[in-house]
Amino acid sequence: MESRPTRLVALDLDDTLAPIAKPASMEAVSCLRALEERGTVIALCSGKPLYYLTGFARQLGLSRPYLIGENGATLQEGVALPPKERLVLTKETAAIRALAKRKEELADLIPGLYFQPNDCGLTPFPTSKEEYDAILAFDDARPIPGVKRYRQCDSIDFAPQDVDKGKALAFLAKRLDIPMEEVVAIGNAENDAPMLEVAGLSIKIGDDPRLEADLSFPCVEEALRHLLREE
């Protein structure tokens, strides 16, 4: 494969950069800092909301990280509060209102159901397979126009149709005047597919058969070491 400069690296969070509800390894953090020192911009691109990503990203010690939340619906520069810049990328206001209504419906369907505190999308966390299947069945029977759905191992993401991780990554690259050929995307799950498709170099962590990528590694540390060797 032809070598290319790496000016922007976008990483999914859960089970890519770090295990769910765990910190990134010291090796991964060290690699990210080394990439940034070489001039590479680092972006976290997750289904989690910006407030969660802000707390997580503080441990990375990066000088200028970008945070893409809610599967591409929101974008923030840096980890300071208030943020230097914070954008809402979706224009689907009707879908956002419909998802607020869907949250009420699911809360009635499954009392005590936990919802991630999103700004735009909807992410319920079922605690059993029965709850998970009930949410999917309810949504299948009452699909919301302008909304897409991603199945996660511990939750279900509902996001406005006009945004995804790929569109958000392309938006960020354009703002930073970085060609997509110089962008690397690293992910492990279904909602990462859009950013893997648009990046100049795509890297899959793990073996999810739903994902296609240029390269595949069993863990993010190996992927980051590869990028550092290629620089």
Protein backbone atom coordinates (compact mmCIF):
# COMPACT_ATOMS: atom_id res chain seq x y z
CA MET A 1 0.00 0.00 0.00
CA GLU A 2 1.33 3.44 -0.94
CA SER A 3 2.55 5.46 2.04
CA ARG A 4 0.73 8.71 2.73
CA PRO A 5 1.07 11.43 5.37
CA THR A 6 -1.22 11.16 8.39
CA ARG A 7 -2.61 14.56 9.37
CA LEU A 8 -5.83 13.53 11.12
CA VAL A 9 -6.59 10.35 13.08
CA ALA A 10 -10.17 9.69 14.20
CA LEU A 11 -10.78 6.93 16.73
CA ASP A 12 -13.93 5.35 18.05
CA LEU A 13 -13.94 5.12 21.84
CA ASP A 14 -15.70 2.05 23.27
CA ASP A 15 -13.88 -1.22 22.52
CA THR A 16 -11.58 0.64 20.11
CA LEU A 17 -9.47 3.17 21.99
CA ALA A 18 -10.51 1.71 25.35
CA PRO A 19 -12.66 -1.09 26.77
CA ILE A 20 -16.19 -0.04 27.73
CA ALA A 21 -16.15 2.02 30.96
CA LYS A 22 -12.34 1.69 31.19
CA PRO A 23 -9.47 4.14 30.53
CA ALA A 24 -7.21 3.95 27.51
CA SER A 25 -3.97 2.07 28.12
CA MET A 26 -0.83 4.04 28.87
CA GLU A 27 0.66 2.73 25.64
CA ALA A 28 -2.30 4.01 23.61
CA VAL A 29 -2.08 7.41 25.32
CA SER A 30 1.67 7.57 24.67
CA CYS A 31 1.14 6.76 21.00
CA LEU A 32 -1.55 9.43 20.61
CA ARG A 33 0.72 12.03 22.19
CA ALA A 34 3.58 10.99 19.90
CA LEU A 35 1.34 11.35 16.84
CA GLU A 36 0.21 14.80 17.97
CA GLU A 37 3.81 15.87 18.55
CA ARG A 38 4.45 15.00 14.90
CA GLY A 39 1.65 17.34 13.83
CA THR A 40 -1.26 14.87 13.59
CA VAL A 41 -4.67 16.04 14.77
CA ILE A 42 -6.46 13.53 17.05
CA ALA A 43 -10.25 13.23 17.13
CA LEU A 44 -12.45 10.98 19.25
CA CYS A 45 -15.52 9.94 17.28
CA SER A 46 -18.15 8.19 19.38
CA GLY A 47 -21.79 7.52 20.02
CA LYS A 48 -21.28 8.99 23.49
CA PRO A 49 -22.30 12.62 24.18
CA LEU A 50 -19.75 15.42 24.29
CA TYR A 51 -19.83 15.78 28.07
CA TYR A 52 -18.74 12.14 28.43
CA LEU A 53 -16.02 12.50 25.81
CA THR A 54 -14.75 15.68 27.49
CA GLY A 55 -14.20 13.84 30.76
CA PHE A 56 -12.55 10.89 29.06
CA ALA A 57 -10.30 12.97 26.82
CA ARG A 58 -8.78 14.91 29.72
CA GLN A 59 -6.61 11.90 30.62
CA LEU A 60 -5.08 11.84 27.16
CA GLY A 61 -3.11 15.03 27.73
CA LEU A 62 -3.45 16.19 24.13
CA SER A 63 -3.05 19.85 23.29
CA ARG A 64 -5.85 20.14 20.75
CA PRO A 65 -8.17 17.14 20.54
CA TYR A 66 -11.47 17.24 18.70
CA LEU A 67 -14.53 15.44 20.01
CA ILE A 68 -17.30 14.13 17.74
CA GLY A 69 -20.29 12.92 19.73
CA GLU A 70 -23.61 11.17 19.23
CA ASN A 71 -22.53 9.40 16.03
CA GLY A 72 -21.62 12.62 14.27
CA ALA A 73 -24.37 14.94 15.51
CA THR A 74 -22.12 17.15 17.66
CA LEU A 75 -18.56 18.49 17.45
CA GLN A 76 -16.31 20.18 20.01
CA GLU A 77 -12.75 21.49 19.99
CA GLY A 78 -10.75 20.80 23.15
CA VAL A 79 -11.74 19.59 26.61
CA ALA A 80 -12.19 22.91 28.41
CA LEU A 81 -15.60 23.97 29.70
CA PRO A 82 -17.04 26.08 28.26
CA PRO A 83 -15.53 24.64 25.08
CA LYS A 84 -13.59 26.76 22.62
CA GLU A 85 -16.01 25.68 19.92
CA ARG A 86 -19.09 23.48 20.01
CA LEU A 87 -21.29 22.71 17.00
CA VAL A 88 -24.51 20.79 16.37
CA LEU A 89 -24.20 19.26 12.91
CA THR A 90 -27.69 17.85 12.46
CA LYS A 91 -30.44 19.95 10.88
CA GLU A 92 -33.16 17.35 11.50
CA THR A 93 -35.08 19.26 14.17
CA ALA A 94 -38.24 17.24 13.49
CA ALA A 95 -36.32 14.02 14.10
CA ILE A 96 -34.91 15.37 17.35
CA ARG A 97 -38.43 16.20 18.55
CA ALA A 98 -39.65 12.76 17.47
CA LEU A 99 -36.81 11.09 19.40
CA ALA A 100 -37.78 13.03 22.52
CA LYS A 101 -41.27 11.56 22.13
CA ARG A 102 -39.83 8.09 21.50
CA LYS A 103 -37.91 8.38 24.78
CA GLU A 104 -41.20 8.89 26.61
CA GLU A 105 -42.73 5.90 24.81
CA LEU A 106 -39.81 3.61 25.68
CA ALA A 107 -39.84 4.79 29.28
CA ASP A 108 -43.48 3.73 29.47
CA LEU A 109 -42.69 0.43 27.75
CA ILE A 110 -39.81 -0.42 30.12
CA PRO A 111 -40.08 1.34 33.49
CA GLY A 112 -36.67 2.28 34.90
CA LEU A 113 -34.96 2.16 31.50
CA TYR A 114 -31.75 4.23 31.49
CA PHE A 115 -31.16 6.75 28.72
CA GLN A 116 -27.82 8.33 27.84
CA PRO A 117 -28.13 12.14 28.30
CA ASN A 118 -27.83 13.11 24.64
CA ASP A 119 -28.35 16.49 23.02
CA CYS A 120 -29.74 15.22 19.72
CA GLY A 121 -30.08 11.45 19.52
CA LEU A 122 -31.54 8.76 21.74
CA THR A 123 -29.62 5.94 23.42
CA PRO A 124 -31.48 3.54 25.74
CA PHE A 125 -29.51 0.95 27.73
CA PRO A 126 -31.59 -2.24 28.14
CA THR A 127 -30.51 -4.55 30.96
CA SER A 128 -31.61 -7.84 29.37
CA LYS A 129 -32.05 -9.47 25.99
CA GLU A 130 -35.81 -9.27 26.51
CA GLU A 131 -35.64 -5.49 26.98
CA TYR A 132 -33.28 -5.15 24.01
CA ASP A 133 -35.61 -7.13 21.75
CA ALA A 134 -38.66 -5.23 23.03
CA ILE A 135 -37.09 -1.90 22.07
CA LEU A 136 -36.22 -3.15 18.59
CA ALA A 137 -39.71 -4.60 18.09
CA PHE A 138 -41.35 -1.36 19.25
CA ASP A 139 -39.20 0.66 16.86
CA ASP A 140 -39.74 -1.74 13.97
CA ALA A 141 -43.48 -1.31 14.37
CA ARG A 142 -43.22 2.50 14.63
CA PRO A 143 -40.19 3.68 12.64
CA ILE A 144 -39.41 7.39 12.87
CA PRO A 145 -38.84 9.21 9.56
CA GLY A 146 -35.43 10.84 9.39
CA VAL A 147 -33.88 8.56 12.01
CA LYS A 148 -31.29 5.77 11.70
CA ARG A 149 -30.56 3.04 14.24
CA TYR A 150 -27.31 1.38 15.35
CA ARG A 151 -27.21 -1.76 17.45
CA GLN A 152 -24.51 -1.68 20.11
CA CYS A 153 -23.53 -4.50 22.46
CA ASP A 154 -24.95 -2.68 25.50
CA SER A 155 -27.30 -0.10 23.99
CA ILE A 156 -29.18 1.06 20.90
CA ASP A 157 -28.34 4.37 19.22
CA PHE A 158 -31.03 6.35 17.39
CA ALA A 159 -29.54 9.24 15.41
CA PRO A 160 -30.83 11.86 12.97
CA GLN A 161 -30.58 10.59 9.40
CA ASP A 162 -28.54 13.54 8.13
CA VAL A 163 -25.47 12.83 10.29
CA ASP A 164 -23.05 9.99 10.85
CA LYS A 165 -19.41 9.59 11.84
CA GLY A 166 -18.26 9.77 8.23
CA LYS A 167 -20.03 13.04 7.49
CA ALA A 168 -18.74 14.57 10.73
CA LEU A 169 -15.19 13.45 10.00
CA ALA A 170 -15.35 14.90 6.48
CA PHE A 171 -16.74 18.15 7.93
CA LEU A 172 -13.88 18.38 10.42
CA ALA A 173 -11.24 17.58 7.80
CA LYS A 174 -12.58 20.31 5.52
CA ARG A 175 -12.52 22.86 8.35
CA LEU A 176 -8.92 21.94 9.08
CA ASP A 177 -8.01 21.99 5.36
CA ILE A 178 -6.89 18.35 5.48
CA PRO A 179 -7.52 16.17 2.40
CA MET A 180 -9.39 12.97 3.15
CA GLU A 181 -6.45 11.05 1.68
CA GLU A 182 -4.49 12.17 4.75
CA VAL A 183 -7.16 11.05 7.25
CA VAL A 184 -7.07 7.76 9.17
CA ALA A 185 -10.18 6.30 10.80
CA ILE A 186 -10.04 3.54 13.42
CA GLY A 187 -13.17 1.73 14.59
CA ASN A 188 -14.69 -1.59 15.55
CA ALA A 189 -18.47 -1.55 15.12
CA GLU A 190 -21.41 -0.88 12.80
CA ASN A 191 -21.64 2.84 13.53
CA ASP A 192 -17.96 3.25 12.59
CA ALA A 193 -18.54 2.09 9.01
CA PRO A 194 -19.31 5.58 7.62
CA MET A 195 -16.00 7.04 8.83
CA LEU A 196 -14.04 3.99 7.67
CA GLU A 197 -15.57 4.45 4.23
CA VAL A 198 -14.55 8.11 3.82
CA ALA A 199 -11.06 8.02 5.35
CA GLY A 200 -7.96 7.74 3.23
CA LEU A 201 -6.84 4.84 5.42
CA SER A 202 -9.33 2.72 7.36
CA ILE A 203 -8.34 0.47 10.25
CA LYS A 204 -10.59 -2.11 11.90
CA ILE A 205 -10.03 -3.23 15.48
CA GLY A 206 -11.26 -6.78 16.02
CA ASP A 207 -13.12 -8.96 13.56
CA ASP A 208 -16.64 -7.55 13.12
CA PRO A 209 -17.75 -9.03 9.75
CA ARG A 210 -19.97 -6.00 9.08
CA LEU A 211 -16.91 -3.77 8.66
CA GLU A 212 -14.55 -3.50 5.73
CA ALA A 213 -11.20 -1.74 6.19
CA ASP A 214 -7.80 -1.38 4.59
CA LEU A 215 -6.07 -2.82 7.65
CA SER A 216 -7.11 -4.85 10.67
CA PHE A 217 -5.45 -5.20 14.07
CA PRO A 218 -6.49 -7.09 17.22
CA CYS A 219 -5.97 -4.01 19.43
CA VAL A 220 -5.61 -0.26 19.07
CA GLU A 221 -2.05 -0.26 20.40
CA GLU A 222 -0.90 -2.27 17.39
CA ALA A 223 -2.76 0.07 15.05
CA LEU A 224 -1.19 3.16 16.59
CA ARG A 225 2.29 1.62 16.56
CA HIS A 226 1.77 0.94 12.85
CA LEU A 227 0.88 4.59 12.21
CA LEU A 228 3.96 5.78 14.09
CA ARG A 229 6.19 3.49 12.05
CA GLU A 230 4.67 4.79 8.83
CA GLU A 231 5.22 8.45 9.73
